[in-house]
Amino acid sequence: MRVGLTGASGLLGRALGAALADRGDEVVVLARPGSAPSAHPTLDWDPARGAIAPEAARRLGALDAVVNLAGAGIGERRWSLARRREIRDSRVSATRLLAEFLAREGARAHLVSASAVGYYGSRADEVLDEASGPGEGFLADVCVAWEDAAQGYAVAGGDVAVVRTGIVLDARGGALARQLPLFRLGLGGRLGPGTQWVSPISLRDHVRATLFALDHRLTGALNLVAPSPATNGELTRALARALGRPGLVTAPAFALRLALGRQMADELLLSSQRAVPARLVAAGFAFEHPALDAVVRAALD
């Protein structure tokens, strides 16, 4: 299979690109201007300008699938007005450009496009499967626009899956990499009340689920989360157990809001999303790390 890949330099993109290459697929990276060098063949594109280089266009037309992971990190900096615009535009503009190009090429390739469980907003204890509607807030609005951009390809007759990712736990990147130094010092703890639900998944299962979606040409929304959501307090205790450290420190909600701004703290750290992978399970996908402790052990290994 010839698979195009955007967002290839991120945690998910690096792992997925390696997994595709290891099983014999040909990976073609769509690289923005100034992107880090890749181990895979690259094609130039510039979503900010709405441009795909002519050579890239010719080669893209022969792809069997495209996995679209492009998007600025949501937790790297405070959400100024400019940063919120960058978070939205880096996802929506890139996805729209890709969908429009693939449609012009005859809707042959299977598009697997990223989204996030932020789509659901903060929903307290409600169990959220793929049939649950969108929530409210900045991240929910971004996810709705992001998915709508991908579905433009479905309107043109293409096969589209949107993968709503939860918290991918891996010591090499993402939220866990930022938290681990504190936990190893015995200074880790819950965020706010700790009763808010989180939807973790191991990096390995995230990659395996994406490959499953490609191989079975799945379409529609897919929650890429482990089958056992957990509260922030439960995740904190699981990390502390795995590291043999106490996890008793609490970061109060007011302190998080002071440090990050109310909107960023409330939507990124204090929101509650109890998502489950109903469609993946129904399609026959088997998780290697279905339970919280297994997800944590895999992340630390």
Protein backbone atom coordinates (compact mmCIF):
# COMPACT_ATOMS: atom_id res chain seq x y z
CA MET A 1 0.00 0.00 0.00
CA ARG A 2 1.22 3.54 -0.79
CA VAL A 3 0.28 5.78 2.13
CA GLY A 4 0.61 9.55 2.33
CA LEU A 5 1.26 10.96 5.80
CA THR A 6 0.90 14.48 7.16
CA GLY A 7 2.10 15.43 10.64
CA ALA A 8 4.87 12.88 10.24
CA SER A 9 7.27 14.61 12.64
CA GLY A 10 4.95 14.37 15.66
CA LEU A 11 4.72 11.54 18.19
CA LEU A 12 1.88 9.80 16.35
CA GLY A 13 3.30 10.43 12.89
CA ARG A 14 6.74 9.05 13.71
CA ALA A 15 5.29 5.89 15.24
CA LEU A 16 2.80 5.32 12.44
CA GLY A 17 5.36 5.97 9.70
CA ALA A 18 7.73 3.43 11.25
CA ALA A 19 4.95 0.84 11.64
CA LEU A 20 3.84 1.24 8.02
CA ALA A 21 7.42 0.90 6.74
CA ASP A 22 8.10 -2.11 8.99
CA ARG A 23 5.25 -4.06 7.43
CA GLY A 24 6.30 -3.17 3.88
CA ASP A 25 4.05 -0.25 2.99
CA GLU A 26 5.49 2.69 1.07
CA VAL A 27 5.25 5.89 3.13
CA VAL A 28 5.22 9.28 1.42
CA VAL A 29 5.49 12.25 3.79
CA LEU A 30 3.79 15.52 2.95
CA ALA A 31 6.26 18.07 4.31
CA ARG A 32 5.56 21.73 5.02
CA PRO A 33 8.24 24.37 4.39
CA GLY A 34 10.87 24.14 7.11
CA SER A 35 9.86 20.65 8.24
CA ALA A 36 12.44 18.41 9.87
CA PRO A 37 14.11 15.85 7.57
CA SER A 38 12.25 12.56 7.23
CA ALA A 39 13.42 8.98 6.78
CA HIS A 40 10.69 8.59 4.13
CA PRO A 41 10.32 10.14 0.66
CA THR A 42 8.79 13.60 0.94
CA LEU A 43 6.47 15.78 -1.11
CA ASP A 44 6.20 19.53 -0.64
CA TRP A 45 2.98 21.17 0.38
CA ASP A 46 2.10 24.48 2.02
CA PRO A 47 -1.38 24.42 3.60
CA ALA A 48 -1.01 28.02 4.80
CA ARG A 49 -0.85 29.11 1.15
CA GLY A 50 -3.27 26.45 -0.09
CA ALA A 51 -0.58 25.02 -2.34
CA ILE A 52 0.65 21.57 -3.33
CA ALA A 53 3.76 21.47 -5.49
CA PRO A 54 3.18 20.08 -9.02
CA GLU A 55 5.47 17.09 -8.45
CA ALA A 56 3.69 16.37 -5.17
CA ALA A 57 0.35 16.57 -6.97
CA ARG A 58 1.40 14.01 -9.56
CA ARG A 59 2.61 11.54 -6.96
CA LEU A 60 -0.29 12.08 -4.55
CA GLY A 61 -2.71 10.97 -7.22
CA ALA A 62 -1.27 7.46 -7.06
CA LEU A 63 -1.69 6.97 -3.31
CA ASP A 64 -3.89 4.22 -1.90
CA ALA A 65 -4.49 6.06 1.38
CA VAL A 66 -3.65 9.24 3.25
CA VAL A 67 -3.40 9.58 7.03
CA ASN A 68 -3.80 13.23 7.98
CA LEU A 69 -2.30 14.09 11.39
CA ALA A 70 -1.40 17.72 10.69
CA GLY A 71 -2.02 20.31 13.40
CA ALA A 72 -0.25 22.63 15.83
CA GLY A 73 0.12 21.29 19.38
CA ILE A 74 -2.71 22.34 21.68
CA GLY A 75 -0.78 22.20 24.95
CA GLU A 76 2.54 23.79 24.07
CA ARG A 77 1.72 27.47 24.70
CA ARG A 78 -0.97 29.61 26.29
CA TRP A 79 -4.01 30.15 24.12
CA SER A 80 -3.64 33.71 22.94
CA LEU A 81 -5.96 34.83 20.17
CA ALA A 82 -3.17 34.20 17.65
CA ARG A 83 -2.45 30.75 19.08
CA ARG A 84 -6.11 29.73 18.95
CA ARG A 85 -6.21 30.82 15.33
CA GLU A 86 -3.08 28.77 14.60
CA ILE A 87 -4.52 25.68 16.31
CA ARG A 88 -7.69 25.92 14.23
CA ASP A 89 -6.20 26.93 10.89
CA SER A 90 -3.37 24.38 10.99
CA ARG A 91 -6.00 21.65 11.15
CA VAL A 92 -8.90 22.93 9.12
CA SER A 93 -6.99 24.56 6.25
CA ALA A 94 -4.64 21.59 5.82
CA THR A 95 -7.50 19.09 5.86
CA ARG A 96 -9.61 21.10 3.43
CA LEU A 97 -6.68 21.40 1.00
CA LEU A 98 -6.03 17.67 1.17
CA ALA A 99 -9.70 16.75 0.74
CA GLU A 100 -10.13 19.06 -2.24
CA PHE A 101 -7.03 17.72 -3.94
CA LEU A 102 -7.96 14.06 -3.41
CA ALA A 103 -11.45 14.76 -4.74
CA ARG A 104 -9.98 16.27 -7.91
CA GLU A 105 -7.88 13.14 -8.36
CA GLY A 106 -10.99 10.96 -8.56
CA ALA A 107 -11.67 10.05 -4.91
CA ARG A 108 -9.52 6.91 -5.10
CA ALA A 109 -7.51 7.16 -1.88
CA HIS A 110 -8.87 6.26 1.55
CA LEU A 111 -8.56 9.29 3.86
CA VAL A 112 -8.03 8.71 7.58
CA SER A 113 -8.12 12.14 9.18
CA ALA A 114 -7.37 13.07 12.76
CA SER A 115 -9.81 14.60 15.18
CA ALA A 116 -10.02 14.39 18.99
CA VAL A 117 -12.38 13.52 21.82
CA GLY A 118 -12.44 17.27 22.43
CA TYR A 119 -15.25 17.05 19.86
CA TYR A 120 -17.58 16.07 22.71
CA GLY A 121 -16.80 19.03 24.96
CA SER A 122 -16.97 18.53 28.73
CA ARG A 123 -19.76 16.06 29.52
CA ALA A 124 -19.36 15.09 33.21
CA ASP A 125 -20.08 11.34 33.66
CA GLU A 126 -21.87 10.78 30.31
CA VAL A 127 -20.53 7.80 28.36
CA LEU A 128 -19.57 9.05 24.90
CA ASP A 129 -19.54 6.81 21.84
CA GLU A 130 -19.31 7.84 18.21
CA ALA A 131 -23.05 8.51 18.03
CA SER A 132 -22.81 11.20 20.73
CA GLY A 133 -23.19 14.73 19.42
CA PRO A 134 -20.65 17.54 19.61
CA GLY A 135 -20.18 19.60 22.74
CA GLU A 136 -19.42 23.25 23.38
CA GLY A 137 -16.18 25.20 23.65
CA PHE A 138 -13.18 26.14 21.57
CA LEU A 139 -11.81 22.61 21.14
CA ALA A 140 -15.24 21.20 20.28
CA ASP A 141 -15.70 23.90 17.65
CA VAL A 142 -12.24 23.18 16.20
CA CYS A 143 -12.98 19.45 15.99
CA VAL A 144 -16.33 20.02 14.29
CA ALA A 145 -14.72 22.27 11.66
CA TRP A 146 -11.81 19.83 11.30
CA GLU A 147 -14.14 16.89 10.67
CA ASP A 148 -16.32 18.92 8.32
CA ALA A 149 -13.24 19.71 6.22
CA ALA A 150 -12.45 15.98 5.93
CA GLN A 151 -16.07 15.12 5.12
CA GLY A 152 -15.85 17.36 2.08
CA TYR A 153 -13.99 14.45 0.52
CA ALA A 154 -16.82 12.06 1.42
CA VAL A 155 -19.27 14.38 -0.34
CA ALA A 156 -17.11 13.97 -3.46
CA GLY A 157 -17.38 10.17 -3.17
CA GLY A 158 -14.23 9.40 -1.18
CA ASP A 159 -13.93 7.04 1.78
CA VAL A 160 -13.26 9.01 4.98
CA ALA A 161 -12.64 7.95 8.57
CA VAL A 162 -12.23 10.60 11.26
CA VAL A 163 -10.34 9.30 14.28
CA ARG A 164 -11.21 11.03 17.55
CA THR A 165 -8.10 10.52 19.63
CA GLY A 166 -8.02 10.60 23.41
CA ILE A 167 -4.88 11.08 25.51
CA VAL A 168 -2.08 9.07 23.92
CA LEU A 169 0.20 7.96 26.74
CA ASP A 170 3.87 7.51 25.92
CA ALA A 171 6.97 8.53 27.85
CA ARG A 172 8.59 9.91 24.68
CA GLY A 173 6.11 12.69 24.01
CA GLY A 174 2.77 14.32 24.59
CA ALA A 175 1.17 15.07 27.95
CA LEU A 176 2.85 12.19 29.79
CA ALA A 177 6.37 13.29 28.85
CA ARG A 178 5.66 16.68 30.45
CA GLN A 179 4.28 15.11 33.63
CA LEU A 180 6.82 12.35 34.20
CA PRO A 181 9.64 14.45 35.71
CA LEU A 182 7.30 15.59 38.49
CA PHE A 183 5.98 12.08 39.12
CA ARG A 184 9.51 10.68 39.29
CA LEU A 185 10.34 13.29 41.93
CA GLY A 186 7.26 12.29 43.92
CA LEU A 187 5.57 15.60 43.08
CA GLY A 188 2.93 14.30 40.68
CA GLY A 189 -0.74 14.45 41.52
CA ARG A 190 -4.25 15.02 40.33
CA LEU A 191 -5.39 18.05 38.39
CA GLY A 192 -8.20 19.98 40.01
CA PRO A 193 -10.83 17.74 41.62
CA GLY A 194 -9.54 14.60 39.86
CA THR A 195 -13.11 13.47 39.18
CA GLN A 196 -13.04 14.54 35.53
CA TRP A 197 -12.91 11.65 33.05
CA VAL A 198 -10.02 11.13 30.66
CA SER A 199 -9.82 8.70 27.75
CA PRO A 200 -6.28 7.32 27.44
CA ILE A 201 -4.81 4.95 24.88
CA SER A 202 -1.32 3.50 24.50
CA LEU A 203 0.74 4.69 21.56
CA ARG A 204 1.01 1.11 20.30
CA ASP A 205 -2.76 0.63 20.31
CA HIS A 206 -3.28 3.99 18.63
CA VAL A 207 -0.96 2.95 15.80
CA ARG A 208 -2.53 -0.52 15.59
CA ALA A 209 -6.04 0.97 15.46
CA THR A 210 -5.04 3.36 12.69
CA LEU A 211 -3.59 0.47 10.68
CA PHE A 212 -6.81 -1.49 11.34
CA ALA A 213 -8.85 1.42 9.97
CA LEU A 214 -6.66 1.50 6.87
CA ASP A 215 -6.68 -2.25 6.27
CA HIS A 216 -10.45 -2.53 6.70
CA ARG A 217 -11.13 0.75 4.91
CA LEU A 218 -13.32 1.90 7.78
CA THR A 219 -15.35 5.08 7.37
CA GLY A 220 -17.14 7.46 9.70
CA ALA A 221 -16.12 8.51 13.20
CA LEU A 222 -13.92 6.26 15.34
CA ASN A 223 -13.00 6.90 18.98
CA LEU A 224 -9.31 5.99 19.34
CA VAL A 225 -9.36 5.39 23.09
CA ALA A 226 -8.90 2.34 25.29
CA PRO A 227 -12.10 0.55 26.37
CA SER A 228 -11.65 1.62 30.00
CA PRO A 229 -11.84 5.39 30.53
CA ALA A 230 -10.62 6.61 33.91
CA THR A 231 -10.88 9.67 36.09
CA ASN A 232 -7.88 11.95 36.37
CA GLY A 233 -7.49 10.76 39.96
CA GLU A 234 -7.39 7.11 38.86
CA LEU A 235 -4.82 7.91 36.17
CA THR A 236 -2.72 9.75 38.75
CA ARG A 237 -2.77 6.77 41.11
CA ALA A 238 -1.91 4.34 38.28
CA LEU A 239 1.12 6.42 37.28
CA ALA A 240 2.27 6.70 40.89
CA ARG A 241 1.96 2.91 41.40
CA ALA A 242 3.87 2.14 38.21
CA LEU A 243 6.70 4.48 39.20
CA GLY A 244 6.75 3.51 42.88
CA ARG A 245 6.24 7.12 43.92
CA PRO A 246 3.58 8.96 45.88
CA GLY A 247 1.03 10.85 43.83
CA LEU A 248 -0.50 12.97 46.54
CA VAL A 249 0.11 16.50 45.29
CA THR A 250 -2.91 18.36 43.94
CA ALA A 251 -2.81 21.17 41.39
CA PRO A 252 -5.89 23.22 42.32
CA ALA A 253 -8.15 24.40 39.53
CA PHE A 254 -7.53 28.07 40.39
CA ALA A 255 -3.76 27.58 40.08
CA LEU A 256 -4.11 25.86 36.70
CA ARG A 257 -6.33 28.70 35.48
CA LEU A 258 -3.85 31.27 36.73
CA ALA A 259 -0.94 29.52 35.00
CA LEU A 260 -2.62 28.71 31.68
CA GLY A 261 -5.64 30.96 31.44
CA ARG A 262 -9.18 29.89 32.28
CA GLN A 263 -10.18 28.61 28.84
CA MET A 264 -7.06 26.50 28.28
CA ALA A 265 -7.11 25.04 31.80
CA ASP A 266 -10.83 24.28 31.71
CA GLU A 267 -10.86 22.66 28.27
CA LEU A 268 -7.50 20.92 28.29
CA LEU A 269 -7.04 19.78 31.88
CA LEU A 270 -10.35 20.04 33.73
CA SER A 271 -12.86 18.94 31.10
CA SER A 272 -14.51 15.53 31.41
CA GLN A 273 -14.72 13.13 28.45
CA ARG A 274 -15.69 9.53 29.16
CA ALA A 275 -15.24 8.23 25.62
CA VAL A 276 -15.43 4.57 24.58
CA PRO A 277 -14.35 2.89 21.30
CA ALA A 278 -17.72 1.38 20.41
CA ARG A 279 -17.20 1.23 16.63
CA LEU A 280 -13.65 -0.16 16.80
CA VAL A 281 -14.78 -2.93 19.13
CA ALA A 282 -17.81 -3.70 16.94
CA ALA A 283 -15.50 -3.93 13.91
CA GLY A 284 -13.41 -6.60 15.67
CA PHE A 285 -10.37 -4.61 16.80
CA ALA A 286 -8.62 -6.20 19.81
CA PHE A 287 -6.70 -3.88 22.14
CA GLU A 288 -3.35 -5.02 23.48
CA HIS A 289 -3.73 -2.61 26.40
CA PRO A 290 -7.43 -2.39 27.24
CA ALA A 291 -7.16 -1.51 30.95
CA LEU A 292 -5.67 1.59 32.56
CA ASP A 293 -2.75 -0.15 34.31
CA ALA A 294 -1.80 -1.88 31.06
CA VAL A 295 -1.89 1.45 29.17
CA VAL A 296 0.36 3.04 31.80
CA ARG A 297 2.83 0.13 31.81
CA ALA A 298 3.04 0.22 28.03
CA ALA A 299 3.65 3.96 28.09
CA LEU A 300 6.52 3.65 30.59
CA ASP A 301 8.10 0.65 28.82
